Protein backbone atom coordinates (compact mmCIF):
# COMPACT_ATOMS: atom_id res chain seq x y z
CA MET A 1 66.33 -12.04 76.36
CA LYS A 2 67.43 -13.27 72.95
CA HIS A 3 64.03 -14.61 71.88
CA PRO A 4 61.32 -12.31 73.28
CA ILE A 5 58.55 -13.53 70.95
CA ARG A 6 59.23 -17.12 71.94
CA THR A 7 59.05 -16.12 75.61
CA ILE A 8 55.76 -14.29 75.02
CA ILE A 9 54.27 -17.30 73.23
CA ILE A 10 55.34 -19.67 76.02
CA VAL A 11 53.89 -17.43 78.75
CA ALA A 12 50.64 -16.94 76.83
CA LEU A 13 50.24 -20.69 76.22
CA LEU A 14 50.92 -21.51 79.86
CA VAL A 15 48.27 -19.02 80.95
CA LYS A 16 45.79 -20.54 78.48
CA CYS A 17 46.51 -23.98 79.93
CA LEU A 18 45.61 -22.59 83.36
CA TYR A 19 42.29 -21.33 81.94
CA LEU A 20 41.54 -24.84 80.67
CA ILE A 21 42.53 -26.45 83.99
CA MET A 22 40.27 -24.06 85.88
CA GLY A 23 37.49 -24.76 83.39
CA ALA A 24 37.88 -28.50 83.92
CA ILE A 25 37.67 -28.05 87.69
CA PHE A 26 35.10 -25.29 88.13
CA SER A 27 32.82 -25.29 85.08
CA PRO A 28 29.26 -25.71 86.40
CA GLU A 29 28.22 -27.62 83.27
CA GLY A 30 30.75 -30.39 83.87
CA ILE A 31 33.44 -31.52 81.41
CA HIS A 32 32.93 -34.78 79.52
CA ASN A 33 34.95 -34.30 76.34
CA TRP A 34 37.24 -31.89 74.49
CA ASN A 35 34.35 -29.83 73.12
CA ASP A 36 32.99 -29.33 76.65
CA LEU A 37 36.43 -28.16 77.76
CA ILE A 38 36.96 -25.56 75.04
CA ALA A 39 33.33 -24.47 75.47
CA VAL A 40 34.35 -22.81 78.76
CA PHE A 41 35.64 -19.95 76.56
CA ASN A 42 32.12 -19.60 75.14
CA ARG A 43 30.20 -17.45 77.59
CA ASN A 44 28.00 -14.35 77.59
CA ASP A 45 28.02 -12.49 74.22
CA ALA A 46 30.19 -15.20 72.65
CA GLY A 47 26.92 -17.04 72.11
CA TRP A 48 25.83 -14.31 69.71
CA TYR A 49 29.01 -14.74 67.68
CA GLU A 50 28.28 -18.47 67.56
CA ASN A 51 24.75 -17.75 66.34
CA ILE A 52 26.04 -15.46 63.57
CA ALA A 53 28.79 -17.91 62.57
CA THR A 54 26.25 -20.74 62.39
CA ASN A 55 23.20 -19.00 60.91
CA GLY A 56 24.45 -15.72 59.45
CA PHE A 57 22.65 -12.42 59.93
CA PRO A 58 18.84 -12.68 59.77
CA ARG A 59 16.70 -10.74 57.33
CA ILE A 60 14.55 -8.24 59.24
CA HIS A 61 10.95 -7.43 58.28
CA HIS A 62 10.05 -5.00 61.07
CA ILE A 63 12.16 -2.56 63.05
CA ASP A 64 11.12 -4.11 66.37
CA GLU A 65 12.91 -7.33 65.33
CA LEU A 66 16.22 -5.48 65.48
CA GLY A 67 15.94 -4.68 69.16
CA LYS A 68 13.46 -3.23 71.61
CA ARG A 69 12.61 -2.95 75.30
CA LEU A 70 9.05 -4.13 75.92
CA PRO A 71 6.68 -2.51 78.47
CA ASP A 72 7.07 -5.48 80.81
CA GLY A 73 10.85 -4.90 80.93
CA SER A 74 11.79 -7.85 78.71
CA LEU A 75 14.09 -7.29 75.72
CA ILE A 76 14.01 -8.22 72.05
CA GLN A 77 17.60 -8.77 70.89
CA SER A 78 19.12 -9.55 67.51
CA SER A 79 22.44 -10.49 65.92
CA TRP A 80 22.60 -7.08 64.26
CA ALA A 81 24.03 -5.65 67.48
CA PHE A 82 27.35 -7.29 66.50
CA PHE A 83 29.79 -6.73 63.65
CA PRO A 84 30.68 -9.43 61.09
CA ALA A 85 34.48 -9.85 60.91
CA TYR A 86 34.99 -12.18 63.89
CA PRO A 87 31.95 -14.48 63.43
CA MET A 88 32.54 -14.67 59.66
CA LEU A 89 36.17 -15.69 60.26
CA ASN A 90 34.95 -18.56 62.41
CA ARG A 91 32.19 -19.38 59.94
CA SER A 92 34.83 -19.77 57.22
CA LEU A 93 36.79 -22.27 59.31
CA MET A 94 33.62 -24.15 60.21
CA HIS A 95 32.73 -24.59 56.54
CA LEU A 96 36.31 -25.26 55.43
CA PHE A 97 37.10 -27.99 57.96
CA GLY A 98 33.64 -29.09 59.06
CA TRP A 99 34.33 -27.98 62.63
CA SER A 100 31.95 -26.87 65.34
CA PHE A 101 31.96 -23.22 66.35
CA ASN A 102 33.89 -24.05 69.53
CA GLY A 103 36.60 -25.80 67.54
CA ALA A 104 36.95 -22.93 65.06
CA ALA A 105 36.78 -20.25 67.75
CA PHE A 106 39.36 -22.01 69.92
CA LEU A 107 41.85 -21.95 67.05
CA THR A 108 41.13 -18.34 66.09
CA SER A 109 41.23 -17.18 69.72
CA LEU A 110 44.55 -18.95 70.21
CA VAL A 111 46.17 -17.54 67.06
CA LEU A 112 44.70 -14.03 67.39
CA SER A 113 45.72 -13.67 71.04
CA LEU A 114 49.31 -14.70 70.24
CA VAL A 115 49.42 -12.28 67.31
CA HIS A 116 47.94 -9.57 69.51
CA PHE A 117 50.57 -10.07 72.23
CA ALA A 118 53.42 -10.10 69.68
CA LEU A 119 52.14 -6.85 68.13
CA PHE A 120 51.76 -5.31 71.58
CA TYR A 121 55.41 -6.16 72.26
CA SER A 122 56.46 -4.54 68.98
CA PHE A 123 54.51 -1.37 69.78
CA ALA A 124 55.76 -1.33 73.39
CA LYS A 125 59.35 -1.65 72.19
CA HIS A 126 58.87 1.42 69.99
CA PHE A 127 57.04 3.36 72.73
CA LEU A 128 59.30 2.46 75.67
CA LYS A 129 62.50 2.42 73.57
CA ASP A 130 63.75 -0.57 75.57
CA GLY A 131 63.32 -4.16 74.42
CA ASN A 132 63.77 -5.70 77.87
CA MET A 133 61.23 -3.36 79.42
CA ALA A 134 58.84 -4.03 76.52
CA LEU A 135 59.08 -7.77 77.19
CA LYS A 136 58.32 -7.28 80.88
CA ALA A 137 55.42 -5.01 79.96
CA THR A 138 54.02 -7.64 77.58
CA ILE A 139 54.16 -10.38 80.21
CA LEU A 140 52.36 -8.11 82.67
CA TYR A 141 49.87 -7.28 79.92
CA ILE A 142 49.11 -10.98 79.42
CA VAL A 143 48.48 -11.68 83.11
CA PHE A 144 46.71 -8.43 84.03
CA PRO A 145 43.21 -8.90 85.54
CA PHE A 146 40.37 -8.84 82.98
CA HIS A 147 42.86 -9.41 80.14
CA TYR A 148 41.68 -13.02 80.05
CA HIS A 149 39.05 -11.63 77.66
CA PHE A 150 41.78 -11.56 75.00
CA SER A 151 41.61 -15.36 74.90
CA MET A 152 37.84 -15.82 75.02
CA TYR A 153 35.56 -16.14 71.99
CA TYR A 154 35.29 -12.38 71.75
CA THR A 155 36.50 -9.70 69.33
CA GLU A 156 39.10 -8.11 71.63
CA SER A 157 42.20 -9.75 70.17
CA LEU A 158 41.08 -9.31 66.56
CA PHE A 159 40.25 -5.66 67.16
CA LEU A 160 43.52 -4.87 68.94
CA SER A 161 45.60 -6.87 66.46
CA ALA A 162 44.15 -4.82 63.61
CA LEU A 163 44.62 -1.55 65.50
CA LEU A 164 48.20 -2.30 66.55
CA MET A 165 49.04 -3.44 63.02
CA ALA A 166 47.73 -0.10 61.74
CA PHE A 167 49.96 1.81 64.18
CA ILE A 168 53.00 -0.36 63.45
CA GLY A 169 52.43 -0.01 59.71
CA ILE A 170 52.61 3.76 60.18
CA GLN A 171 55.76 3.47 62.29
CA GLN A 172 57.46 1.44 59.57
CA GLN A 173 55.88 3.44 56.72
CA ARG A 174 54.21 0.37 55.29
CA LEU A 175 50.85 2.02 54.83
CA TRP A 176 49.45 -0.93 52.93
CA TRP A 177 49.73 -2.83 56.25
CA SER A 178 47.74 -0.09 57.91
CA ALA A 179 45.15 0.12 55.12
CA THR A 180 44.56 -3.64 55.22
CA ALA A 181 44.38 -3.73 59.03
CA LEU A 182 41.88 -0.86 59.09
CA ILE A 183 39.51 -2.75 56.78
CA VAL A 184 39.40 -5.50 59.41
CA LEU A 185 39.09 -2.92 62.18
CA VAL A 186 35.93 -1.25 60.85
CA LEU A 187 34.22 -4.63 60.42
CA THR A 188 35.12 -5.92 63.89
CA ARG A 189 33.55 -3.46 66.32
CA PRO A 190 31.37 -0.35 66.01
CA ASN A 191 34.09 1.93 67.38
CA GLY A 192 36.41 0.75 64.61
CA LEU A 193 35.29 3.53 62.27
CA ILE A 194 35.84 6.24 64.90
CA CYS A 195 39.27 4.76 65.68
CA LEU A 196 40.33 5.84 62.20
CA LEU A 197 40.70 9.32 63.73
CA PRO A 198 43.51 8.47 66.19
CA VAL A 199 45.20 6.32 63.52
CA TRP A 200 45.13 9.30 61.12
CA LEU A 201 46.46 11.62 63.84
CA TYR A 202 49.25 9.13 64.51
CA GLN A 203 50.22 9.23 60.84
CA LEU A 204 50.35 13.03 60.92
CA GLU A 205 52.51 12.92 64.05
CA GLN A 206 54.94 10.47 62.46
CA LYS A 207 55.17 12.66 59.38
CA GLY A 208 55.53 15.87 61.38
CA VAL A 209 52.41 17.44 59.87
CA ALA A 210 50.77 19.94 62.22
CA LEU A 211 46.97 20.24 62.41
CA ARG A 212 46.46 23.65 60.83
CA PRO A 213 44.77 24.97 57.65
CA ALA A 214 48.09 25.77 55.97
CA ASN A 215 48.88 22.03 55.93
CA PHE A 216 45.60 21.01 54.31
CA LYS A 217 47.21 19.36 51.28
CA ALA A 218 49.66 17.40 53.40
CA MET A 219 46.87 16.36 55.74
CA LEU A 220 44.76 15.20 52.79
CA LYS A 221 47.67 13.28 51.29
CA ASN A 222 48.20 11.48 54.59
CA SER A 223 44.54 10.51 54.72
CA LEU A 224 44.46 8.42 51.55
CA PHE A 225 45.37 5.15 53.29
CA LEU A 226 42.06 5.42 55.21
CA VAL A 227 39.95 5.35 52.04
CA PRO A 228 39.72 1.53 51.63
CA ALA A 229 38.40 1.12 55.19
CA VAL A 230 35.82 3.89 54.70
CA MET A 231 34.66 2.31 51.43
CA VAL A 232 34.34 -1.14 53.02
CA PHE A 233 32.37 0.33 55.93
CA ALA A 234 30.07 2.09 53.45
CA ALA A 235 29.51 -1.26 51.73
CA TYR A 236 28.59 -2.77 55.10
CA LEU A 237 26.03 -0.01 55.64
CA VAL A 238 24.48 -0.90 52.29
CA TYR A 239 24.44 -4.58 53.31
CA GLN A 240 22.62 -3.66 56.53
CA TYR A 241 20.06 -1.71 54.50
CA GLU A 242 19.56 -4.61 52.10
CA MET A 243 18.99 -7.08 54.96
CA THR A 244 17.04 -4.90 57.39
CA GLY A 245 15.81 -1.78 55.62
CA TYR A 246 18.06 0.41 57.81
CA PHE A 247 21.59 1.62 57.17
CA ASN A 248 22.12 1.91 60.93
CA ALA A 249 20.74 -1.50 61.94
CA TYR A 250 23.57 -1.92 64.45
CA SER A 251 22.63 1.29 66.25
CA ILE A 252 18.94 0.41 66.40
CA ALA A 253 19.75 -3.07 67.72
CA GLN A 254 21.35 -1.55 70.83
CA LYS A 255 17.86 -0.95 72.20
CA GLY A 256 17.72 -4.67 72.80
CA TRP A 257 20.52 -4.27 75.32
CA ASN A 258 18.73 -1.37 77.00
CA LYS A 259 21.33 1.12 75.76
CA PHE A 260 20.47 4.75 75.17
CA LEU A 261 22.36 7.98 74.58
CA THR A 262 23.24 9.85 77.76
CA PHE A 263 25.89 12.08 79.29
CA PRO A 264 28.77 9.67 80.04
CA LEU A 265 29.21 10.41 83.74
CA LEU A 266 25.50 9.76 84.33
CA ALA A 267 26.19 6.10 83.54
CA LEU A 268 28.14 5.76 86.80
CA PHE A 269 26.43 4.12 89.79
CA ARG A 270 23.13 3.83 87.91
CA GLY A 271 22.32 0.34 89.15
CA GLY A 272 22.53 -1.24 92.57
CA ALA A 273 24.13 -4.50 91.41
CA ILE A 274 27.56 -5.07 92.92
CA GLU A 275 29.20 -5.54 89.50
CA LEU A 276 27.89 -2.16 88.31
CA GLN A 277 29.17 -0.50 91.48
CA PHE A 278 32.57 -2.13 91.00
CA ASN A 279 32.70 -1.12 87.35
CA SER A 280 31.81 2.48 88.26
CA VAL A 281 34.65 2.70 90.79
CA TYR A 282 37.01 1.08 88.27
CA VAL A 283 36.00 3.59 85.60
CA ILE A 284 36.65 6.54 87.95
CA LEU A 285 40.14 5.25 88.74
CA VAL A 286 40.91 4.79 85.05
CA LEU A 287 39.52 8.24 84.22
CA LEU A 288 41.82 9.80 86.81
CA PHE A 289 44.81 7.91 85.42
CA ALA A 290 43.84 8.90 81.87
CA ILE A 291 43.82 12.56 82.93
CA TYR A 292 47.24 12.10 84.54
CA SER A 293 48.55 10.44 81.35
CA ILE A 294 47.51 13.21 78.96
CA ARG A 295 50.91 14.89 78.95
CA LYS A 296 52.75 11.61 78.65
CA LEU A 297 51.04 10.55 75.42
CA PRO A 298 50.74 12.06 71.94
CA LEU A 299 47.42 13.50 70.85
CA SER A 300 46.60 10.42 68.76
CA LEU A 301 46.80 7.98 71.67
CA ASN A 302 44.94 10.36 73.98
CA VAL A 303 42.13 10.59 71.43
CA PHE A 304 42.05 6.79 71.21
CA ILE A 305 41.77 6.47 75.00
CA TRP A 306 39.02 9.04 75.44
CA ILE A 307 36.96 7.81 72.50
CA ASN A 308 36.99 4.27 73.86
CA LEU A 309 36.22 5.41 77.40
CA MET A 310 33.38 7.77 76.53
CA MET A 311 31.58 5.75 73.83
CA PRO A 312 30.37 2.90 76.09
CA LEU A 313 29.57 5.31 78.92
CA CYS A 314 27.44 7.38 76.53
CA ALA A 315 25.30 4.26 76.12
CA GLY A 316 24.14 4.72 79.71
CA SER A 317 25.69 1.73 81.47
CA THR A 318 28.95 0.54 83.02
CA THR A 319 28.26 -3.07 82.03
CA SER A 320 31.38 -4.60 80.41
CA MET A 321 33.52 -1.55 81.21
CA SER A 322 36.28 -3.71 82.68
CA ARG A 323 36.49 -5.46 79.31
CA TYR A 324 36.42 -2.22 77.32
CA ILE A 325 39.12 -0.73 79.54
CA ALA A 326 41.35 -3.73 78.80
CA ALA A 327 41.65 -2.41 75.24
CA LEU A 328 43.24 0.87 76.40
CA PHE A 329 46.80 -0.34 75.88
CA PRO A 330 48.40 3.16 75.88
CA LEU A 331 47.38 3.61 79.52
CA PHE A 332 48.96 0.28 80.35
CA LEU A 333 52.19 1.41 78.70
CA VAL A 334 52.19 4.65 80.68
CA GLY A 335 51.85 2.61 83.87
CA CYS A 336 54.78 0.41 82.81
CA MET A 337 56.86 3.47 81.94
CA LEU A 338 56.26 4.84 85.44
CA PHE A 339 56.72 1.72 87.55
CA LEU A 340 58.88 -0.85 85.72
CA PRO A 341 62.17 1.10 85.98
CA ARG A 342 61.76 1.13 89.78
CA MET A 343 61.05 -2.58 90.11
CA LYS A 344 63.77 -5.20 90.44
CA LYS A 345 61.60 -8.31 90.82
CA THR A 346 58.83 -8.05 88.27
CA TYR A 347 58.21 -11.79 88.44
CA ILE A 348 56.63 -11.30 91.89
CA LEU A 349 54.22 -8.75 90.43
CA SER A 350 53.57 -11.02 87.43
CA CYS A 351 52.67 -13.98 89.65
CA SER A 352 50.46 -11.81 91.85
CA LEU A 353 48.60 -10.40 88.86
CA LEU A 354 48.20 -13.88 87.38
CA LEU A 355 46.63 -15.17 90.59
CA LEU A 356 44.28 -12.18 90.60
CA GLN A 357 43.43 -12.76 86.94
CA LEU A 358 42.59 -16.41 87.61
CA ALA A 359 40.40 -15.34 90.54
CA VAL A 360 38.54 -12.94 88.23
CA PHE A 361 38.36 -15.64 85.53
CA TYR A 362 36.32 -17.73 87.98
CA PHE A 363 33.48 -15.22 87.55
CA TRP A 364 33.61 -15.89 83.80
CA LEU A 365 33.26 -19.63 84.40
CA GLU A 366 30.27 -18.96 86.64
CA TRP A 367 28.56 -16.72 84.06
CA HIS A 368 28.65 -13.91 86.62
CA PRO A 369 27.67 -10.41 85.34
CA LEU A 370 31.10 -9.12 86.43
CA SER A 371 32.52 -11.05 83.45
CA TYR A 372 30.27 -9.41 80.83
């Protein structure tokens, strides 16, 4: 097609219209006005982002206020379990235009998801070396089940936009793009800092620098673009200390979500709830595909995949794993590389996946734990 970005935008907007139509029909709260309608994107942890955007991060006077599991099984939770970039972006729009959180978040989710899909197309075009196949892959990416999270009031699209921009900046040797994107990355999600490792490895791969002691100077030189992000993250640690008395307030706050360090595979099938069983099976399938994909991906993208698979599992639960897996875009590209060349009618697959995505989106509207 002559205008792939235009096609991507049209498809993404049509899918978002379907979300709103489903929200108007199935939302259990009922829809009475525009704010009620766009509030259907505000579910689950999005409420914490609203709280931070509205009230900021609270000052903590005792460690138990950060997060704790009480003897009776109840939980103390705090905003410090979340990172600041996304809620502060919405807070800025709320103050600038006098909007509600839902109004600001609807705009940011719309813009960020479109940017995210356009950047995915750019990366897919480089990876697949075929613009037409990259467009088909992007459309499938938009309608894939659980990828509706990219349009909700969550950090997924901001995180992936920053990460993809970092990779694309390296591809085009515009490292200032990458350096700027990585600043956003480390302030968006806790795994942002660790994701500097695959980004750095990607830079070395693009420059042809092998990982060995003899190349130490070259490796160091190709690390300098990471410095701004590391400095900004260090400043955020100081801010956490100033507000809570702990540099690692985020880590401590995870106790409020009953998370604890464990061997990753022990997180599978821990609970009897149907959503946890489903997530465990889904994780196993993705793990098997990730193993299969190792030889089809460079070291950098393999490291990215395994970091983002193992980190949440090490927290002892499969809750939200379907959402975390949605961020593993290299695996999606491997799947497209394997299957798209053999398919003549991808629109049938696209429509089928869209129907499945809308079926899964119903669980989001119902506040079902499968949508966490």
